[in-house]
């Protein structure tokens, strides 16, 4: 068995893999990272020149938040999303900000944001789900259970997300 497993793995790699593909050298990866950082710096400088209340600034902040989030800079993404949200309420954007805050471990801050956002969009599925998630992560399983049960009760039988919420409910202590 000890010899069979590595031989099988090598055989699968040779059949399905791409052994001739060169890896990206460190220098190339560094150049790409530097180019990306310079583009983000340019975006930040252009955003600083815009009226923060303008739609262009709002869209730019969303773009910056998405870029920072994809790079793993959750604090910078949250800051950009918060600036964009300051320009006017948008339920999807509030959900993105809450999700980033939860990913970053800022559970109480996410819960406060969701408590403010949910009355403005009470039927928004994402905000309702994230409210339950914030409750669960804050160590309040009964709060999460109540939110998610209400969400499932309002859901159509064929909702694609229904099973995931039911699994989350079942996993609660």
N, C-alpha and C. Protein backbone atom coordinates (compact mmCIF):
# COMPACT_ATOMS: atom_id res chain seq x y z
N UNK A 1 0.82 -1.19 0.00
CA UNK A 1 0.00 0.00 0.00
C UNK A 1 0.86 1.25 0.00
N UNK A 2 1.99 1.20 0.73
CA UNK A 2 2.84 2.38 0.80
C UNK A 2 3.39 2.75 -0.57
N UNK A 3 3.67 1.79 -1.39
CA UNK A 3 4.19 2.07 -2.73
C UNK A 3 3.06 2.33 -3.72
N UNK A 4 1.91 1.73 -3.50
CA UNK A 4 0.79 1.85 -4.43
C UNK A 4 0.20 3.26 -4.44
N UNK A 5 0.04 3.89 -3.29
CA UNK A 5 -0.58 5.21 -3.22
C UNK A 5 0.25 6.26 -3.97
N UNK A 6 1.56 6.38 -3.75
CA UNK A 6 2.33 7.35 -4.53
C UNK A 6 2.35 7.02 -6.02
N UNK A 7 2.40 5.74 -6.37
CA UNK A 7 2.40 5.37 -7.78
C UNK A 7 1.07 5.76 -8.44
N UNK A 8 -0.03 5.53 -7.74
CA UNK A 8 -1.34 5.91 -8.25
C UNK A 8 -1.44 7.43 -8.40
N UNK A 9 -0.95 8.16 -7.43
CA UNK A 9 -0.98 9.63 -7.49
C UNK A 9 -0.15 10.13 -8.67
N UNK A 10 1.02 9.56 -8.89
CA UNK A 10 1.86 9.95 -10.02
C UNK A 10 1.17 9.63 -11.34
N UNK A 11 0.55 8.46 -11.42
CA UNK A 11 -0.16 8.08 -12.65
C UNK A 11 -1.30 9.03 -12.95
N UNK A 12 -2.08 9.38 -11.94
CA UNK A 12 -3.18 10.33 -12.14
C UNK A 12 -2.66 11.70 -12.56
N UNK A 13 -1.55 12.12 -11.96
CA UNK A 13 -0.98 13.41 -12.32
C UNK A 13 -0.52 13.42 -13.78
N UNK A 14 0.14 12.36 -14.19
CA UNK A 14 0.63 12.30 -15.56
C UNK A 14 -0.52 12.24 -16.57
N UNK A 15 -1.63 11.61 -16.21
CA UNK A 15 -2.79 11.53 -17.10
C UNK A 15 -3.60 12.83 -17.10
N UNK A 16 -3.84 13.39 -15.94
CA UNK A 16 -4.73 14.54 -15.81
C UNK A 16 -3.99 15.87 -15.61
N UNK A 17 -2.80 15.82 -15.10
CA UNK A 17 -2.07 17.04 -14.77
C UNK A 17 -1.40 17.66 -15.99
N UNK A 18 -0.71 18.73 -15.75
CA UNK A 18 0.04 19.40 -16.81
C UNK A 18 1.49 19.54 -16.35
N UNK A 19 2.24 18.45 -16.44
CA UNK A 19 3.61 18.48 -15.92
C UNK A 19 4.53 19.43 -16.68
N UNK A 20 4.18 19.77 -17.92
CA UNK A 20 5.04 20.66 -18.69
C UNK A 20 4.80 22.13 -18.44
N UNK A 21 3.77 22.47 -17.64
CA UNK A 21 3.46 23.87 -17.40
C UNK A 21 4.48 24.47 -16.45
N UNK A 22 5.11 25.56 -16.86
CA UNK A 22 6.09 26.19 -15.98
C UNK A 22 5.39 26.94 -14.84
N UNK A 23 6.05 27.00 -13.72
CA UNK A 23 5.49 27.75 -12.60
C UNK A 23 5.82 29.23 -12.79
N UNK A 24 5.07 30.06 -12.11
CA UNK A 24 5.32 31.50 -12.18
C UNK A 24 6.48 31.82 -11.25
N UNK A 25 7.56 32.35 -11.78
CA UNK A 25 8.70 32.68 -10.92
C UNK A 25 8.32 33.76 -9.90
N UNK A 26 9.05 33.78 -8.83
CA UNK A 26 8.81 34.73 -7.75
C UNK A 26 8.85 36.16 -8.26
N UNK A 27 9.79 36.46 -9.13
CA UNK A 27 9.93 37.82 -9.65
C UNK A 27 8.67 38.25 -10.40
N UNK A 28 8.10 37.34 -11.19
CA UNK A 28 6.87 37.68 -11.91
C UNK A 28 5.72 37.92 -10.95
N UNK A 29 5.61 37.10 -9.93
CA UNK A 29 4.54 37.29 -8.95
C UNK A 29 4.71 38.61 -8.22
N UNK A 30 5.94 38.97 -7.92
CA UNK A 30 6.21 40.25 -7.26
C UNK A 30 5.86 41.42 -8.18
N UNK A 31 6.15 41.29 -9.47
CA UNK A 31 5.81 42.34 -10.42
C UNK A 31 4.30 42.52 -10.54
N UNK A 32 3.58 41.42 -10.57
CA UNK A 32 2.11 41.49 -10.64
C UNK A 32 1.57 42.15 -9.37
N UNK A 33 2.09 41.77 -8.22
CA UNK A 33 1.64 42.36 -6.96
C UNK A 33 1.93 43.86 -6.92
N UNK A 34 3.11 44.25 -7.39
CA UNK A 34 3.47 45.67 -7.43
C UNK A 34 2.57 46.44 -8.39
N UNK A 35 2.27 45.84 -9.54
CA UNK A 35 1.38 46.50 -10.50
C UNK A 35 -0.02 46.67 -9.90
N UNK A 36 -0.51 45.62 -9.24
CA UNK A 36 -1.83 45.70 -8.61
C UNK A 36 -1.86 46.78 -7.54
N UNK A 37 -0.80 46.84 -6.74
CA UNK A 37 -0.73 47.84 -5.68
C UNK A 37 -0.69 49.26 -6.25
N UNK A 38 0.02 49.44 -7.36
CA UNK A 38 0.06 50.78 -7.97
C UNK A 38 -1.30 51.17 -8.54
N UNK A 39 -2.04 50.19 -9.09
CA UNK A 39 -3.39 50.48 -9.58
C UNK A 39 -4.32 50.85 -8.42
N UNK A 40 -4.19 50.17 -7.30
CA UNK A 40 -5.01 50.50 -6.14
C UNK A 40 -4.63 51.86 -5.58
N UNK A 41 -3.36 52.19 -5.60
CA UNK A 41 -2.93 53.52 -5.14
C UNK A 41 -3.51 54.60 -6.04
N UNK A 42 -3.52 54.35 -7.33
CA UNK A 42 -4.12 55.30 -8.28
C UNK A 42 -5.62 55.45 -8.00
N UNK A 43 -6.30 54.34 -7.77
CA UNK A 43 -7.72 54.39 -7.46
C UNK A 43 -7.96 55.18 -6.18
N UNK A 44 -7.15 54.94 -5.15
CA UNK A 44 -7.30 55.68 -3.90
C UNK A 44 -7.09 57.18 -4.10
N UNK A 45 -6.08 57.55 -4.90
CA UNK A 45 -5.82 58.98 -5.11
C UNK A 45 -6.95 59.63 -5.90
N UNK A 46 -7.51 58.92 -6.85
CA UNK A 46 -8.64 59.48 -7.61
C UNK A 46 -9.89 59.58 -6.74
N UNK A 47 -10.08 58.62 -5.87
CA UNK A 47 -11.22 58.70 -4.96
C UNK A 47 -11.08 59.86 -4.00
N UNK A 48 -9.87 60.15 -3.57
CA UNK A 48 -9.64 61.27 -2.66
C UNK A 48 -9.99 62.60 -3.32
N UNK A 49 -9.86 62.67 -4.65
CA UNK A 49 -10.16 63.90 -5.37
C UNK A 49 -11.65 64.08 -5.65
N UNK A 50 -12.44 63.04 -5.46
CA UNK A 50 -13.87 63.11 -5.76
C UNK A 50 -14.66 63.59 -4.55
N UNK A 51 -15.82 64.14 -4.83
CA UNK A 51 -16.77 64.47 -3.77
C UNK A 51 -17.24 63.15 -3.16
N UNK A 52 -17.04 62.94 -1.86
CA UNK A 52 -17.41 61.67 -1.24
C UNK A 52 -18.90 61.32 -1.40
N UNK A 53 -19.74 62.32 -1.62
CA UNK A 53 -21.17 62.07 -1.76
C UNK A 53 -21.58 61.73 -3.19
N UNK A 54 -20.62 61.78 -4.12
CA UNK A 54 -20.95 61.53 -5.53
C UNK A 54 -21.12 60.03 -5.80
N UNK A 55 -21.89 59.74 -6.85
CA UNK A 55 -22.09 58.35 -7.24
C UNK A 55 -20.78 57.74 -7.74
N UNK A 56 -19.94 58.54 -8.38
CA UNK A 56 -18.64 58.03 -8.86
C UNK A 56 -17.78 57.59 -7.68
N UNK A 57 -17.79 58.38 -6.60
CA UNK A 57 -17.01 58.01 -5.41
C UNK A 57 -17.58 56.75 -4.79
N UNK A 58 -18.89 56.64 -4.76
CA UNK A 58 -19.54 55.46 -4.19
C UNK A 58 -19.15 54.20 -4.98
N UNK A 59 -19.25 54.28 -6.29
CA UNK A 59 -18.88 53.13 -7.12
C UNK A 59 -17.39 52.81 -6.99
N UNK A 60 -16.56 53.84 -6.89
CA UNK A 60 -15.13 53.63 -6.71
C UNK A 60 -14.82 52.95 -5.39
N UNK A 61 -15.53 53.34 -4.33
CA UNK A 61 -15.32 52.71 -3.03
C UNK A 61 -15.74 51.24 -3.06
N UNK A 62 -16.82 50.95 -3.78
CA UNK A 62 -17.24 49.55 -3.91
C UNK A 62 -16.17 48.75 -4.66
N UNK A 63 -15.65 49.33 -5.73
CA UNK A 63 -14.58 48.68 -6.50
C UNK A 63 -13.35 48.46 -5.62
N UNK A 64 -12.99 49.48 -4.85
CA UNK A 64 -11.84 49.35 -3.95
C UNK A 64 -12.09 48.29 -2.89
N UNK A 65 -13.30 48.27 -2.34
CA UNK A 65 -13.64 47.25 -1.34
C UNK A 65 -13.53 45.84 -1.91
N UNK A 66 -14.04 45.66 -3.13
CA UNK A 66 -13.95 44.34 -3.77
C UNK A 66 -12.50 43.94 -3.99
N UNK A 67 -11.69 44.88 -4.45
CA UNK A 67 -10.28 44.59 -4.71
C UNK A 67 -9.54 44.24 -3.42
N UNK A 68 -9.78 45.03 -2.39
CA UNK A 68 -9.11 44.78 -1.11
C UNK A 68 -9.55 43.44 -0.51
N UNK A 69 -10.82 43.14 -0.66
CA UNK A 69 -11.33 41.87 -0.13
C UNK A 69 -10.70 40.69 -0.86
N UNK A 70 -10.57 40.80 -2.17
CA UNK A 70 -9.98 39.70 -2.93
C UNK A 70 -8.50 39.52 -2.61
N UNK A 71 -7.86 40.57 -2.11
CA UNK A 71 -6.45 40.48 -1.72
C UNK A 71 -6.30 40.06 -0.26
N UNK A 72 -7.42 39.84 0.43
CA UNK A 72 -7.35 39.41 1.82
C UNK A 72 -7.20 40.53 2.83
N UNK A 73 -7.35 41.76 2.39
CA UNK A 73 -7.24 42.92 3.27
C UNK A 73 -8.64 43.30 3.75
N UNK A 74 -9.13 42.55 4.70
CA UNK A 74 -10.50 42.71 5.15
C UNK A 74 -10.75 44.05 5.82
N UNK A 75 -9.79 44.55 6.59
CA UNK A 75 -9.98 45.84 7.25
C UNK A 75 -10.12 46.97 6.24
N UNK A 76 -9.30 46.96 5.18
CA UNK A 76 -9.38 47.98 4.14
C UNK A 76 -10.67 47.83 3.34
N UNK A 77 -11.10 46.59 3.11
CA UNK A 77 -12.35 46.35 2.39
C UNK A 77 -13.53 46.88 3.20
N UNK A 78 -13.54 46.61 4.50
CA UNK A 78 -14.63 47.09 5.36
C UNK A 78 -14.69 48.61 5.36
N UNK A 79 -13.52 49.24 5.40
CA UNK A 79 -13.47 50.70 5.39
C UNK A 79 -14.04 51.25 4.08
N UNK A 80 -13.68 50.66 2.96
CA UNK A 80 -14.18 51.11 1.67
C UNK A 80 -15.68 50.89 1.54
N UNK A 81 -16.15 49.73 1.96
CA UNK A 81 -17.59 49.45 1.91
C UNK A 81 -18.36 50.41 2.81
N UNK A 82 -17.81 50.73 3.98
CA UNK A 82 -18.48 51.66 4.89
C UNK A 82 -18.58 53.05 4.27
N UNK A 83 -17.53 53.48 3.59
CA UNK A 83 -17.58 54.78 2.90
C UNK A 83 -18.64 54.78 1.81
N UNK A 84 -18.71 53.69 1.07
CA UNK A 84 -19.72 53.59 0.01
C UNK A 84 -21.12 53.59 0.61
N UNK A 85 -21.30 52.90 1.71
CA UNK A 85 -22.61 52.82 2.35
C UNK A 85 -23.02 54.16 2.95
N UNK A 86 -22.04 54.96 3.33
CA UNK A 86 -22.34 56.30 3.87
C UNK A 86 -23.00 57.18 2.82
N UNK A 87 -22.80 56.86 1.55
CA UNK A 87 -23.41 57.64 0.47
C UNK A 87 -24.87 57.32 0.24
N UNK A 88 -25.40 56.34 0.92
CA UNK A 88 -26.81 55.97 0.78
C UNK A 88 -26.98 54.49 1.03
N UNK A 89 -28.11 54.12 1.60
CA UNK A 89 -28.35 52.73 1.96
C UNK A 89 -28.56 51.87 0.73
N UNK A 90 -27.92 50.70 0.76
CA UNK A 90 -28.11 49.67 -0.24
C UNK A 90 -28.00 48.35 0.51
N UNK A 91 -29.07 47.54 0.45
CA UNK A 91 -29.12 46.31 1.24
C UNK A 91 -27.99 45.34 0.87
N UNK A 92 -27.71 45.21 -0.42
CA UNK A 92 -26.64 44.29 -0.83
C UNK A 92 -25.29 44.75 -0.32
N UNK A 93 -25.05 46.05 -0.39
CA UNK A 93 -23.78 46.60 0.10
C UNK A 93 -23.67 46.45 1.62
N UNK A 94 -24.77 46.66 2.33
CA UNK A 94 -24.77 46.46 3.77
C UNK A 94 -24.45 44.99 4.09
N UNK A 95 -24.98 44.09 3.28
CA UNK A 95 -24.68 42.68 3.46
C UNK A 95 -23.21 42.37 3.21
N UNK A 96 -22.63 42.99 2.18
CA UNK A 96 -21.20 42.77 1.92
C UNK A 96 -20.36 43.26 3.08
N UNK A 97 -20.68 44.45 3.58
CA UNK A 97 -19.94 44.99 4.71
C UNK A 97 -20.09 44.10 5.93
N UNK A 98 -21.31 43.65 6.22
CA UNK A 98 -21.52 42.78 7.37
C UNK A 98 -20.75 41.48 7.22
N UNK A 99 -20.73 40.93 6.02
CA UNK A 99 -20.00 39.69 5.80
C UNK A 99 -18.51 39.87 6.01
N UNK A 100 -17.95 40.98 5.53
CA UNK A 100 -16.53 41.25 5.75
C UNK A 100 -16.24 41.41 7.24
N UNK A 101 -17.11 42.13 7.93
CA UNK A 101 -16.92 42.30 9.37
C UNK A 101 -16.95 40.95 10.09
N UNK A 102 -17.87 40.08 9.69
CA UNK A 102 -17.92 38.75 10.30
C UNK A 102 -16.68 37.93 9.97
N UNK A 103 -16.21 38.03 8.73
CA UNK A 103 -14.99 37.30 8.35
C UNK A 103 -13.80 37.79 9.15
N UNK A 104 -13.82 39.07 9.48
CA UNK A 104 -12.71 39.66 10.23
C UNK A 104 -12.82 39.42 11.73
N UNK A 105 -13.96 38.87 12.16
CA UNK A 105 -14.15 38.60 13.58
C UNK A 105 -14.74 39.77 14.36
N UNK A 106 -15.21 40.78 13.67
CA UNK A 106 -15.82 41.96 14.31
C UNK A 106 -17.34 41.73 14.41
N UNK A 107 -17.69 40.74 15.22
CA UNK A 107 -19.06 40.22 15.28
C UNK A 107 -20.04 41.27 15.81
N UNK A 108 -19.70 41.93 16.90
CA UNK A 108 -20.63 42.91 17.48
C UNK A 108 -20.85 44.09 16.54
N UNK A 109 -19.81 44.51 15.86
CA UNK A 109 -19.94 45.59 14.88
C UNK A 109 -20.85 45.17 13.73
N UNK A 110 -20.70 43.93 13.29
CA UNK A 110 -21.56 43.41 12.24
C UNK A 110 -23.00 43.33 12.72
N UNK A 111 -23.19 42.90 13.96
CA UNK A 111 -24.54 42.80 14.51
C UNK A 111 -25.21 44.17 14.59
N UNK A 112 -24.45 45.20 14.98
CA UNK A 112 -25.02 46.56 15.02
C UNK A 112 -25.40 47.04 13.63
N UNK A 113 -24.53 46.80 12.66
CA UNK A 113 -24.83 47.18 11.28
C UNK A 113 -26.09 46.48 10.79
N UNK A 114 -26.19 45.20 11.04
CA UNK A 114 -27.36 44.43 10.60
C UNK A 114 -28.63 44.89 11.31
N UNK A 115 -28.52 45.26 12.58
CA UNK A 115 -29.69 45.75 13.32
C UNK A 115 -30.20 47.07 12.73
N UNK A 116 -29.29 47.87 12.19
CA UNK A 116 -29.68 49.12 11.54
C UNK A 116 -30.20 48.86 10.12
N UNK A 117 -29.62 47.90 9.42
CA UNK A 117 -29.95 47.66 8.02
C UNK A 117 -31.24 46.87 7.84
N UNK A 118 -31.48 45.89 8.68
CA UNK A 118 -32.62 44.99 8.49
C UNK A 118 -33.97 45.71 8.49
N UNK A 119 -34.20 46.70 9.35
CA UNK A 119 -35.50 47.40 9.27
C UNK A 119 -35.70 48.14 7.94
N UNK A 120 -34.62 48.49 7.27
CA UNK A 120 -34.73 49.18 5.99
C UNK A 120 -34.99 48.21 4.84
N UNK A 121 -34.67 46.93 5.03
CA UNK A 121 -34.90 45.91 4.01
C UNK A 121 -35.28 44.61 4.72
N UNK A 122 -36.46 44.57 5.35
CA UNK A 122 -36.82 43.43 6.20
C UNK A 122 -36.96 42.10 5.47
N UNK A 123 -37.14 42.11 4.17
CA UNK A 123 -37.29 40.84 3.46
C UNK A 123 -36.01 40.42 2.73
N UNK A 124 -34.93 41.16 2.93
CA UNK A 124 -33.67 40.85 2.26
C UNK A 124 -33.09 39.56 2.85
N UNK A 125 -33.00 38.54 2.04
CA UNK A 125 -32.57 37.21 2.49
C UNK A 125 -31.16 37.25 3.05
N UNK A 126 -30.25 37.92 2.36
CA UNK A 126 -28.87 37.98 2.81
C UNK A 126 -28.72 38.64 4.16
N UNK A 127 -29.40 39.75 4.38
CA UNK A 127 -29.32 40.43 5.67
C UNK A 127 -29.91 39.56 6.78
N UNK A 128 -30.99 38.88 6.48
CA UNK A 128 -31.61 38.01 7.48
C UNK A 128 -30.68 36.84 7.82
N UNK A 129 -30.08 36.23 6.79
CA UNK A 129 -29.15 35.13 7.05
C UNK A 129 -27.95 35.61 7.88
N UNK A 130 -27.37 36.75 7.48
CA UNK A 130 -26.20 37.26 8.19
C UNK A 130 -26.53 37.65 9.63
N UNK A 131 -27.76 38.10 9.87
CA UNK A 131 -28.17 38.40 11.23
C UNK A 131 -28.13 37.14 12.08
N UNK A 132 -28.62 36.04 11.54
CA UNK A 132 -28.52 34.77 12.25
C UNK A 132 -27.09 34.33 12.45
N UNK A 133 -26.26 34.53 11.44
CA UNK A 133 -24.86 34.16 11.54
C UNK A 133 -24.15 34.98 12.61
N UNK A 134 -24.45 36.28 12.66
CA UNK A 134 -23.86 37.13 13.70
C UNK A 134 -24.29 36.66 15.09
N UNK A 135 -25.55 36.29 15.22
CA UNK A 135 -26.04 35.79 16.51
C UNK A 135 -25.29 34.50 16.89
N UNK A 136 -25.14 33.60 15.95
CA UNK A 136 -24.44 32.34 16.21
C UNK A 136 -22.99 32.59 16.60
N UNK A 137 -22.33 33.47 15.88
CA UNK A 137 -20.91 33.74 16.17
C UNK A 137 -20.72 34.51 17.47
N UNK A 138 -21.76 35.23 17.89
CA UNK A 138 -21.67 35.96 19.16
C UNK A 138 -21.99 35.05 20.35
N UNK A 139 -22.26 33.78 20.07
CA UNK A 139 -22.56 32.84 21.14
C UNK A 139 -24.01 32.90 21.60
N UNK A 140 -24.88 33.35 20.71
CA UNK A 140 -26.30 33.43 21.03
C UNK A 140 -27.09 32.49 20.10
N UNK A 141 -26.99 31.17 20.32
CA UNK A 141 -27.63 30.22 19.40
C UNK A 141 -29.15 30.36 19.34
N UNK A 142 -29.78 30.77 20.45
CA UNK A 142 -31.24 30.92 20.42
C UNK A 142 -31.64 32.07 19.50
N UNK A 143 -30.86 33.14 19.49
CA UNK A 143 -31.13 34.25 18.58
C UNK A 143 -30.97 33.81 17.14
N UNK A 144 -29.90 33.07 16.86
CA UNK A 144 -29.66 32.57 15.51
C UNK A 144 -30.79 31.63 15.09
N UNK A 145 -31.19 30.76 16.01
CA UNK A 145 -32.26 29.80 15.71
C UNK A 145 -33.56 30.53 15.35
N UNK A 146 -33.89 31.56 16.10
CA UNK A 146 -35.13 32.31 15.84
C UNK A 146 -35.08 32.99 14.47
N UNK A 147 -33.95 33.61 14.17
CA UNK A 147 -33.81 34.31 12.88
C UNK A 147 -33.88 33.32 11.73
N UNK A 148 -33.15 32.23 11.83
CA UNK A 148 -33.10 31.28 10.72
C UNK A 148 -34.40 30.50 10.56
N UNK A 149 -35.08 30.21 11.68
CA UNK A 149 -36.38 29.54 11.57
C UNK A 149 -37.38 30.44 10.83
N UNK A 150 -37.37 31.71 11.15
CA UNK A 150 -38.27 32.65 10.46
C UNK A 150 -37.91 32.75 8.98
N UNK A 151 -36.62 32.73 8.69
CA UNK A 151 -36.18 32.79 7.30
C UNK A 151 -36.65 31.56 6.52
N UNK A 152 -36.50 30.39 7.11
CA UNK A 152 -36.93 29.15 6.45
C UNK A 152 -38.45 29.12 6.32
N UNK A 153 -39.16 29.62 7.33
CA UNK A 153 -40.62 29.63 7.27
C UNK A 153 -41.13 30.51 6.13
N UNK A 154 -40.41 31.59 5.83
CA UNK A 154 -40.81 32.50 4.75
C UNK A 154 -40.32 32.05 3.38
N UNK A 155 -39.45 31.05 3.36
CA UNK A 155 -38.81 30.64 2.10
C UNK A 155 -39.72 29.76 1.25
N UNK A 156 -39.65 29.94 -0.05
CA UNK A 156 -40.35 28.99 -0.93
C UNK A 156 -39.70 27.61 -0.77
N UNK A 157 -40.48 26.58 -1.01
CA UNK A 157 -39.99 25.20 -0.84
C UNK A 157 -38.80 24.90 -1.73
N UNK A 158 -38.72 25.56 -2.89
CA UNK A 158 -37.63 25.29 -3.83
C UNK A 158 -36.50 26.32 -3.78
N UNK A 159 -36.45 27.12 -2.71
CA UNK A 159 -35.38 28.12 -2.58
C UNK A 159 -34.03 27.40 -2.56
N UNK A 160 -33.07 27.82 -3.40
CA UNK A 160 -31.79 27.10 -3.48
C UNK A 160 -30.96 27.18 -2.21
N UNK A 161 -31.20 28.17 -1.39
CA UNK A 161 -30.42 28.36 -0.17
C UNK A 161 -31.08 27.72 1.04
N UNK A 162 -32.27 27.24 0.90
CA UNK A 162 -33.04 26.69 2.04
C UNK A 162 -32.29 25.56 2.75
N UNK A 163 -31.76 24.62 2.01
CA UNK A 163 -31.06 23.48 2.62
C UNK A 163 -29.85 23.92 3.42
N UNK A 164 -29.14 24.92 2.94
CA UNK A 164 -27.96 25.41 3.65
C UNK A 164 -28.38 26.02 4.99
N UNK A 165 -29.45 26.79 5.00
CA UNK A 165 -29.92 27.39 6.26
C UNK A 165 -30.39 26.29 7.21
N UNK A 166 -31.08 25.29 6.69
CA UNK A 166 -31.54 24.18 7.53
C UNK A 166 -30.35 23.43 8.13
N UNK A 167 -29.27 23.27 7.36
CA UNK A 167 -28.05 22.63 7.90
C UNK A 167 -27.46 23.48 9.02
N UNK A 168 -27.43 24.79 8.79
CA UNK A 168 -26.90 25.68 9.83
C UNK A 168 -27.74 25.57 11.10
N UNK A 169 -29.05 25.49 10.92
CA UNK A 169 -29.94 25.33 12.08
C UNK A 169 -29.63 24.04 12.84
N UNK A 170 -29.45 22.97 12.09
CA UNK A 170 -29.17 21.68 12.71
C UNK A 170 -27.82 21.67 13.42
N UNK A 171 -26.88 22.49 12.97
CA UNK A 171 -25.55 22.53 13.58
C UNK A 171 -25.48 23.38 14.84
N UNK A 172 -26.53 24.15 15.11
CA UNK A 172 -26.52 24.99 16.30
C UNK A 172 -26.55 24.13 17.56
N UNK A 173 -25.87 24.57 18.61
CA UNK A 173 -25.89 23.79 19.86
C UNK A 173 -27.26 23.85 20.54
